[in-house]
């Protein structure tokens, strides 16, 4: 889906910048979806979060979890069962 491809493209760009020494960190703008005043531009709230309003993970949450586990300085056997990592 679009969100997954978008995040993976950003992560590739982040990794390139990190390799060149130009990148310090990453930041999630919205943890979860939230309600806003209904208008023409936002019907049924704001859906930019990586979790739903009920705190259920969306595709982006799974991709970010996989990414951060892979960036963590842990031994492979400590997180080797991550079957939800997307294939790039």
Protein backbone atom coordinates (compact mmCIF):
# COMPACT_ATOMS: atom_id res chain seq x y z
CA UNK A 1 0.00 0.00 0.00
CA UNK A 2 0.97 3.65 -0.40
CA UNK A 3 1.86 4.26 3.25
CA UNK A 4 4.23 1.27 3.39
CA UNK A 5 5.99 2.19 0.15
CA UNK A 6 6.26 5.81 1.27
CA UNK A 7 7.87 4.88 4.62
CA UNK A 8 10.30 2.44 3.01
CA UNK A 9 11.37 5.09 0.47
CA UNK A 10 12.02 7.54 3.31
CA UNK A 11 13.97 4.92 5.25
CA UNK A 12 16.16 4.27 2.22
CA UNK A 13 16.88 8.00 1.95
CA UNK A 14 17.54 8.20 5.71
CA UNK A 15 20.00 5.31 5.48
CA UNK A 16 21.86 6.99 2.61
CA UNK A 17 22.17 10.23 4.59
CA UNK A 18 23.19 8.35 7.74
CA UNK A 19 25.95 6.56 5.79
CA UNK A 20 27.28 9.96 4.65
CA UNK A 21 27.20 11.35 8.21
CA UNK A 22 24.46 13.91 7.51
CA UNK A 23 21.64 12.36 9.49
CA UNK A 24 21.08 12.35 13.24
CA UNK A 25 17.65 10.83 13.91
CA UNK A 26 14.05 10.12 12.98
CA UNK A 27 10.81 11.39 14.45
CA UNK A 28 7.19 10.21 14.28
CA UNK A 29 4.90 13.21 13.86
CA UNK A 30 1.66 11.59 15.04
CA UNK A 31 1.54 8.55 17.31
CA UNK A 32 -2.17 7.86 16.74
CA UNK A 33 -5.09 9.07 14.64
CA UNK A 34 -7.22 11.71 16.33
CA UNK A 35 -10.55 13.45 15.89
CA UNK A 36 -10.73 16.96 14.51
CA UNK A 37 -13.61 19.28 13.82
CA UNK A 38 -15.44 17.92 10.80
CA UNK A 39 -14.87 19.93 7.64
CA UNK A 40 -14.60 19.46 3.90
CA UNK A 41 -10.88 18.70 4.15
CA UNK A 42 -11.14 16.28 7.09
CA UNK A 43 -14.05 13.92 7.17
CA UNK A 44 -13.98 11.50 10.14
CA UNK A 45 -10.92 12.96 11.84
CA UNK A 46 -7.21 13.06 11.18
CA UNK A 47 -5.66 9.76 10.12
CA UNK A 48 -1.93 10.44 9.99
CA UNK A 49 -0.97 8.32 12.99
CA UNK A 50 0.82 4.99 12.96
CA UNK A 51 -1.93 3.65 15.26
CA UNK A 52 -5.70 3.97 14.96
CA UNK A 53 -7.74 5.97 17.49
CA UNK A 54 -8.31 2.66 19.28
CA UNK A 55 -4.51 2.16 19.39
CA UNK A 56 -4.47 -0.70 16.92
CA UNK A 57 -1.27 -0.80 14.83
CA UNK A 58 -1.46 0.24 11.21
CA UNK A 59 0.98 -0.91 8.50
CA UNK A 60 3.30 1.99 9.34
CA UNK A 61 3.64 0.86 12.96
CA UNK A 62 4.75 -2.59 11.86
CA UNK A 63 7.28 -1.18 9.41
CA UNK A 64 8.69 1.21 12.02
CA UNK A 65 8.92 -1.56 14.62
CA UNK A 66 10.87 -3.70 12.19
CA UNK A 67 13.14 -0.80 11.24
CA UNK A 68 13.96 0.20 14.80
CA UNK A 69 14.60 -3.41 15.85
CA UNK A 70 17.01 -3.74 12.94
CA UNK A 71 18.75 -0.48 13.85
CA UNK A 72 19.12 -1.47 17.52
CA UNK A 73 22.57 -2.70 18.54
CA UNK A 74 21.30 -6.13 19.65
CA UNK A 75 22.49 -9.57 18.74
CA UNK A 76 20.52 -11.15 15.90
CA UNK A 77 19.14 -13.97 18.04
CA UNK A 78 17.48 -11.42 20.35
CA UNK A 79 15.03 -10.35 17.64
CA UNK A 80 15.34 -12.95 14.91
CA UNK A 81 11.63 -13.83 14.82
CA UNK A 82 10.45 -10.62 13.16
CA UNK A 83 8.32 -12.03 10.36
CA UNK A 84 6.52 -8.72 9.69
CA UNK A 85 9.51 -6.98 8.12
CA UNK A 86 8.69 -5.93 4.53
CA UNK A 87 10.88 -6.97 1.64
CA UNK A 88 12.42 -3.91 0.01
